[in-house]
Amino acid sequence: MSGEFARAQPFRHAVMDEFLAADFCRELMAEFPRFDTGQSLNERGETGRKAVNPKVSSLGPAYVRFDQLIRSQEFLTFTGKLTGISNLLYDPEYIGGGTHENLNGQDLDSHVDFNYHPSRGWHRRLNLIVFLNPEWEADWGGCLELLRDPLAPADQNCIVSVTPSANRAVVFETTEHSWHGFRRIAMPEEPAGISRRSIAVYFYTKERPPAETAVSHGTVYFQRPLPDRIRPGCVLNEPDIEELQALVARRDMQIKFLYERELEFSEALEKLRESPSFRIGRMLTWPGRALRRLVR
């Protein structure tokens, strides 16, 4: 299995069926928390159709056992041997992780994840996702996609699609190129009440090879391009129009989000320039700056 992980494309990963004991997986599915709109806020503070609960140990006895398994040294050693990444660290805060539930109509744009633990400063190294869906068909959407390059056309890309079936686990290396996401969930009218459910765990290390290290950043999303079927001469139907409107609206929201973040950065820089410590620093470094101007 470690060899398969190392050779996998588009980046290092492994897909494992029957990941947990069957009875244990059924207990996790039975204790899965109800969808809570209070836990469905996205990065822009908007209520969406995805709920995340990081308080894993509070969800029931099965989740206490799951947490104990994930944090155990035996599991960390096993995962390290599988992936070739030693000295893995468990995140007791489940930052960004925990139970994930996505309702009908939800999707997840291709993205690379934040690369440092926000409070501990550890390097993020691995994602582990365990699916908890007793039934799922690939044509319902929601399949996890691993991509080499979200900018590349589908026929020139390397895309691995994983159907989120119960007790199937995916572990993949988190890098600056580990693009992943899933397409819009489009459930049929029957069966009703089905959502895409999983539990996500992220692992870290205190050190990382310098060649793989980047400056700290948050999760970076790539907005989905137009569907391949939208070509010159095609006739748009009502679902096509709805999808185009949704794509344009999402891109507009992303531009607005980036604009507001730029304003926040500018305000922070302006406050820094106006601070007494910055002015004192400017005074102390003035002779050196003046000398450099004379030497030019």
Protein backbone atom coordinates (compact mmCIF):
# COMPACT_ATOMS: atom_id res chain seq x y z
CA MET A 1 0.00 0.00 0.00
CA SER A 2 2.88 2.41 0.74
CA GLY A 3 4.21 1.87 -2.78
CA GLU A 4 0.80 2.63 -4.27
CA PHE A 5 0.61 5.82 -2.22
CA ALA A 6 4.04 6.96 -3.43
CA ARG A 7 3.28 6.24 -7.11
CA ALA A 8 -0.26 7.61 -7.17
CA GLN A 9 -1.26 10.41 -9.54
CA PRO A 10 -2.07 13.29 -9.74
CA PHE A 11 -0.38 13.47 -6.33
CA ARG A 12 0.39 11.03 -3.56
CA HIS A 13 -2.75 9.40 -2.16
CA ALA A 14 -4.42 6.11 -1.31
CA VAL A 15 -8.05 4.94 -1.37
CA MET A 16 -8.95 2.27 1.19
CA ASP A 17 -12.25 0.37 1.34
CA GLU A 18 -13.51 -1.26 4.54
CA PHE A 19 -11.32 1.18 6.44
CA LEU A 20 -13.03 0.54 9.79
CA ALA A 21 -14.73 -2.49 11.26
CA ALA A 22 -18.19 -2.67 9.71
CA ASP A 23 -20.02 -2.44 13.06
CA PHE A 24 -17.93 0.55 14.10
CA CYS A 25 -18.70 2.37 10.85
CA ARG A 26 -22.42 1.73 11.32
CA GLU A 27 -22.21 3.23 14.82
CA LEU A 28 -20.54 6.37 13.42
CA MET A 29 -23.28 6.71 10.81
CA ALA A 30 -25.99 6.24 13.47
CA GLU A 31 -24.46 8.92 15.73
CA PHE A 32 -23.74 11.42 12.94
CA PRO A 33 -24.96 14.86 14.13
CA ARG A 34 -28.02 16.56 12.68
CA PHE A 35 -27.40 19.40 10.22
CA ASP A 36 -26.89 22.61 12.19
CA THR A 37 -27.18 25.91 10.27
CA GLY A 38 -25.11 27.55 12.99
CA GLN A 39 -22.16 25.44 11.79
CA SER A 40 -22.72 26.09 8.09
CA LEU A 41 -21.03 29.47 7.67
CA ASN A 42 -18.53 29.75 4.83
CA GLU A 43 -15.35 31.86 4.65
CA ARG A 44 -17.45 34.95 3.85
CA GLY A 45 -19.72 34.45 6.86
CA GLU A 46 -22.66 33.32 4.74
CA THR A 47 -24.97 30.43 5.62
CA GLY A 48 -24.48 27.60 3.16
CA ARG A 49 -25.43 23.98 2.66
CA LYS A 50 -22.33 22.53 4.32
CA ALA A 51 -22.14 21.99 8.09
CA VAL A 52 -18.88 21.24 9.93
CA ASN A 53 -18.64 20.03 13.52
CA PRO A 54 -15.10 19.88 14.95
CA LYS A 55 -16.23 18.77 18.43
CA VAL A 56 -15.81 15.12 17.58
CA SER A 57 -15.58 13.73 21.11
CA SER A 58 -18.92 15.31 22.05
CA LEU A 59 -20.93 13.52 19.35
CA GLY A 60 -21.34 10.14 21.02
CA PRO A 61 -19.47 7.02 22.20
CA ALA A 62 -18.49 5.93 18.67
CA TYR A 63 -16.89 9.31 17.98
CA VAL A 64 -15.00 9.16 21.28
CA ARG A 65 -13.58 5.82 20.12
CA PHE A 66 -12.77 7.26 16.70
CA ASP A 67 -10.91 10.17 18.29
CA GLN A 68 -8.96 7.79 20.52
CA LEU A 69 -8.04 5.68 17.48
CA ILE A 70 -6.86 8.65 15.41
CA ARG A 71 -4.72 10.10 18.19
CA SER A 72 -3.13 6.76 19.18
CA GLN A 73 0.57 6.30 18.54
CA GLU A 74 -0.18 3.01 16.77
CA PHE A 75 -2.35 4.77 14.19
CA LEU A 76 0.12 7.65 13.73
CA THR A 77 2.93 5.14 13.18
CA PHE A 78 0.82 3.14 10.70
CA THR A 79 -0.08 6.30 8.76
CA GLY A 80 3.55 7.43 8.77
CA LYS A 81 4.69 4.12 7.27
CA LEU A 82 1.92 4.21 4.66
CA THR A 83 2.75 7.74 3.52
CA GLY A 84 6.47 7.94 4.20
CA ILE A 85 5.93 10.95 6.47
CA SER A 86 7.27 10.35 9.97
CA ASN A 87 6.62 12.11 13.27
CA LEU A 88 3.00 12.90 12.41
CA LEU A 89 1.01 15.00 14.86
CA TYR A 90 -2.70 14.70 15.62
CA ASP A 91 -4.73 17.91 15.85
CA PRO A 92 -6.88 17.83 19.01
CA GLU A 93 -8.70 20.96 17.82
CA TYR A 94 -9.79 19.43 14.48
CA ILE A 95 -9.22 22.82 12.79
CA GLY A 96 -11.23 22.64 9.53
CA GLY A 97 -11.96 18.99 10.21
CA GLY A 98 -14.51 16.93 12.12
CA THR A 99 -17.82 15.83 10.64
CA HIS A 100 -18.74 17.35 7.28
CA GLU A 101 -22.26 17.27 5.87
CA ASN A 102 -23.15 18.60 2.42
CA LEU A 103 -26.78 18.93 1.35
CA ASN A 104 -28.26 18.55 -2.10
CA GLY A 105 -27.08 21.35 -4.41
CA GLN A 106 -23.78 21.88 -2.57
CA ASP A 107 -20.40 21.56 -4.26
CA LEU A 108 -16.80 22.33 -3.36
CA ASP A 109 -14.55 24.26 -5.72
CA SER A 110 -11.12 22.83 -6.42
CA HIS A 111 -8.69 24.15 -3.82
CA VAL A 112 -5.45 23.68 -1.97
CA ASP A 113 -5.69 23.78 1.82
CA PHE A 114 -4.17 26.13 4.36
CA ASN A 115 -0.62 25.01 4.98
CA TYR A 116 0.06 25.79 8.66
CA HIS A 117 -1.92 25.03 11.79
CA PRO A 118 -3.27 28.47 12.75
CA SER A 119 -2.48 28.27 16.47
CA ARG A 120 0.38 25.78 16.71
CA GLY A 121 2.40 26.69 13.62
CA TRP A 122 2.78 23.08 12.50
CA HIS A 123 3.12 22.14 8.83
CA ARG A 124 -0.01 20.53 7.42
CA ARG A 125 0.97 17.24 5.77
CA LEU A 126 -1.98 14.86 5.30
CA ASN A 127 -5.75 14.83 4.87
CA LEU A 128 -7.74 11.76 5.89
CA ILE A 129 -11.40 11.58 4.84
CA VAL A 130 -13.68 8.73 5.90
CA PHE A 131 -17.02 8.62 4.08
CA LEU A 132 -20.18 7.76 6.02
CA ASN A 133 -22.82 7.40 3.29
CA PRO A 134 -24.73 4.08 3.42
CA GLU A 135 -25.68 4.55 -0.23
CA TRP A 136 -24.30 6.75 -3.00
CA GLU A 137 -24.33 6.70 -6.79
CA ALA A 138 -21.58 8.37 -8.80
CA ASP A 139 -24.13 10.17 -11.00
CA TRP A 140 -25.48 11.96 -7.92
CA GLY A 141 -22.35 14.15 -8.00
CA GLY A 142 -20.37 14.79 -4.82
CA CYS A 143 -17.50 12.46 -5.81
CA LEU A 144 -14.16 13.59 -4.44
CA GLU A 145 -11.93 14.78 -7.29
CA LEU A 146 -8.14 14.93 -7.10
CA LEU A 147 -6.72 17.13 -9.88
CA ARG A 148 -3.28 17.85 -11.24
CA ASP A 149 -4.17 21.32 -12.53
CA PRO A 150 -7.59 23.00 -12.26
CA LEU A 151 -6.66 25.29 -15.16
CA ALA A 152 -6.12 22.42 -17.59
CA PRO A 153 -8.96 21.20 -19.85
CA ALA A 154 -10.51 17.95 -18.64
CA ASP A 155 -9.05 15.97 -21.57
CA GLN A 156 -5.55 17.21 -20.70
CA ASN A 157 -5.80 16.85 -16.95
CA CYS A 158 -5.27 13.98 -14.55
CA ILE A 159 -8.40 13.63 -12.46
CA VAL A 160 -9.09 10.84 -9.98
CA SER A 161 -12.74 10.56 -8.93
CA VAL A 162 -13.67 8.77 -5.70
CA THR A 163 -17.31 7.87 -4.99
CA PRO A 164 -18.04 8.69 -1.30
CA SER A 165 -19.31 5.25 -0.32
CA ALA A 166 -19.61 4.19 3.31
CA ASN A 167 -16.40 3.07 5.04
CA ARG A 168 -14.22 4.21 2.16
CA ALA A 169 -11.25 6.33 3.25
CA VAL A 170 -8.95 8.58 1.26
CA VAL A 171 -5.63 9.80 2.57
CA PHE A 172 -3.59 12.28 0.53
CA GLU A 173 -0.58 14.48 0.95
CA THR A 174 -1.27 18.18 1.49
CA THR A 175 0.99 20.31 -0.71
CA GLU A 176 0.84 23.49 -2.76
CA HIS A 177 -0.40 21.34 -5.67
CA SER A 178 -2.88 18.95 -4.02
CA TRP A 179 -5.96 20.36 -5.76
CA HIS A 180 -9.20 18.67 -4.74
CA GLY A 181 -12.96 19.30 -4.50
CA PHE A 182 -16.24 17.83 -5.68
CA ARG A 183 -18.92 18.67 -8.21
CA ARG A 184 -22.43 19.79 -7.35
CA ILE A 185 -24.60 17.23 -5.58
CA ALA A 186 -27.69 16.59 -7.71
CA MET A 187 -29.82 14.05 -5.87
CA PRO A 188 -32.88 12.47 -7.52
CA GLU A 189 -36.23 12.95 -5.80
CA GLU A 190 -35.90 9.45 -4.39
CA PRO A 191 -34.36 8.43 -2.06
CA ALA A 192 -35.14 11.51 0.05
CA GLY A 193 -33.17 12.87 2.98
CA ILE A 194 -29.74 11.75 1.80
CA SER A 195 -26.76 14.06 2.26
CA ARG A 196 -23.03 13.67 1.68
CA ARG A 197 -21.44 12.81 5.03
CA SER A 198 -17.85 12.29 6.06
CA ILE A 199 -15.36 12.84 8.84
CA ALA A 200 -12.11 14.66 8.06
CA VAL A 201 -8.86 14.54 10.02
CA TYR A 202 -5.71 16.52 9.24
CA PHE A 203 -2.20 15.58 10.32
CA TYR A 204 0.85 17.79 10.80
CA THR A 205 4.59 17.76 11.45
CA LYS A 206 6.82 20.27 13.21
CA GLU A 207 9.28 20.31 10.32
CA ARG A 208 9.02 20.01 6.53
CA PRO A 209 11.63 19.73 3.76
CA PRO A 210 12.59 23.28 2.72
CA ALA A 211 11.82 22.57 -0.94
CA GLU A 212 8.19 21.83 0.02
CA THR A 213 7.77 24.81 2.32
CA ALA A 214 5.79 27.90 1.29
CA VAL A 215 4.76 31.10 3.03
CA SER A 216 1.72 30.77 5.25
CA HIS A 217 -1.61 31.05 3.44
CA GLY A 218 -5.26 30.17 3.89
CA THR A 219 -7.27 27.83 1.69
CA VAL A 220 -6.98 28.88 -1.97
CA TYR A 221 -9.97 28.19 -4.24
CA PHE A 222 -10.17 27.95 -8.01
CA GLN A 223 -13.53 28.88 -9.44
CA ARG A 224 -14.93 26.21 -11.74
CA PRO A 225 -14.76 26.99 -15.50
CA LEU A 226 -17.70 26.75 -17.86
CA PRO A 227 -18.94 23.19 -18.44
CA ASP A 228 -17.41 21.41 -21.44
CA ARG A 229 -20.85 21.18 -23.07
CA ILE A 230 -21.00 25.00 -23.41
CA ARG A 231 -19.55 25.29 -26.90
CA PRO A 232 -20.24 27.43 -29.98
CA GLY A 233 -23.56 26.40 -31.49
CA CYS A 234 -24.96 24.68 -28.40
CA VAL A 235 -28.55 25.41 -27.39
CA LEU A 236 -28.89 26.41 -23.76
CA ASN A 237 -31.73 24.88 -21.77
CA GLU A 238 -33.08 26.07 -18.42
CA PRO A 239 -30.65 24.00 -16.27
CA ASP A 240 -27.75 25.35 -18.37
CA ILE A 241 -28.86 28.93 -17.71
CA GLU A 242 -29.20 28.24 -13.99
CA GLU A 243 -25.70 26.75 -13.87
CA LEU A 244 -24.19 29.70 -15.77
CA GLN A 245 -25.92 32.16 -13.46
CA ALA A 246 -24.63 30.28 -10.42
CA LEU A 247 -21.05 30.25 -11.78
CA VAL A 248 -21.11 33.99 -12.52
CA ALA A 249 -22.63 34.79 -9.12
CA ARG A 250 -20.01 32.70 -7.35
CA ARG A 251 -17.19 34.38 -9.23
CA ASP A 252 -18.62 37.79 -8.36
CA MET A 253 -18.73 36.82 -4.68
CA GLN A 254 -15.13 35.61 -4.84
CA ILE A 255 -14.01 38.92 -6.40
CA LYS A 256 -15.91 40.80 -3.66
CA PHE A 257 -14.27 38.63 -1.00
CA LEU A 258 -10.77 39.27 -2.41
CA TYR A 259 -11.49 43.01 -2.66
CA GLU A 260 -12.62 43.20 0.96
CA ARG A 261 -9.58 41.22 2.08
CA GLU A 262 -7.32 43.61 0.16
CA LEU A 263 -8.95 46.53 1.98
CA GLU A 264 -8.32 44.82 5.32
CA PHE A 265 -4.63 44.35 4.43
CA SER A 266 -4.35 47.99 3.35
CA GLU A 267 -5.94 49.23 6.58
CA ALA A 268 -3.62 47.04 8.64
CA LEU A 269 -0.56 48.39 6.78
CA GLU A 270 -1.75 51.97 7.24
CA LYS A 271 -2.16 51.46 10.98
CA LEU A 272 1.33 49.96 11.10
CA ARG A 273 2.80 53.00 9.31
CA GLU A 274 1.08 55.34 11.75
CA SER A 275 2.22 53.45 14.85
CA PRO A 276 4.87 55.05 17.13
CA SER A 277 7.14 51.99 16.86
CA PHE A 278 7.19 52.24 13.05
CA ARG A 279 8.05 55.95 13.20
CA ILE A 280 10.84 55.33 15.68
CA GLY A 281 12.16 52.58 13.40
CA ARG A 282 12.15 54.97 10.47
CA MET A 283 14.10 57.53 12.50
CA LEU A 284 16.70 54.99 13.59
CA THR A 285 17.25 53.67 10.06
CA TRP A 286 17.30 57.10 8.40
CA PRO A 287 21.16 57.43 8.34
CA GLY A 288 21.52 54.13 6.51
CA ARG A 289 18.84 55.02 3.97
CA ALA A 290 20.39 58.43 3.39
CA LEU A 291 23.83 56.88 2.84
CA ARG A 292 22.44 54.46 0.27
CA ARG A 293 20.96 57.37 -1.69
CA LEU A 294 24.34 59.15 -1.72
CA VAL A 295 26.19 56.04 -2.91
CA ARG A 296 23.87 55.51 -5.91
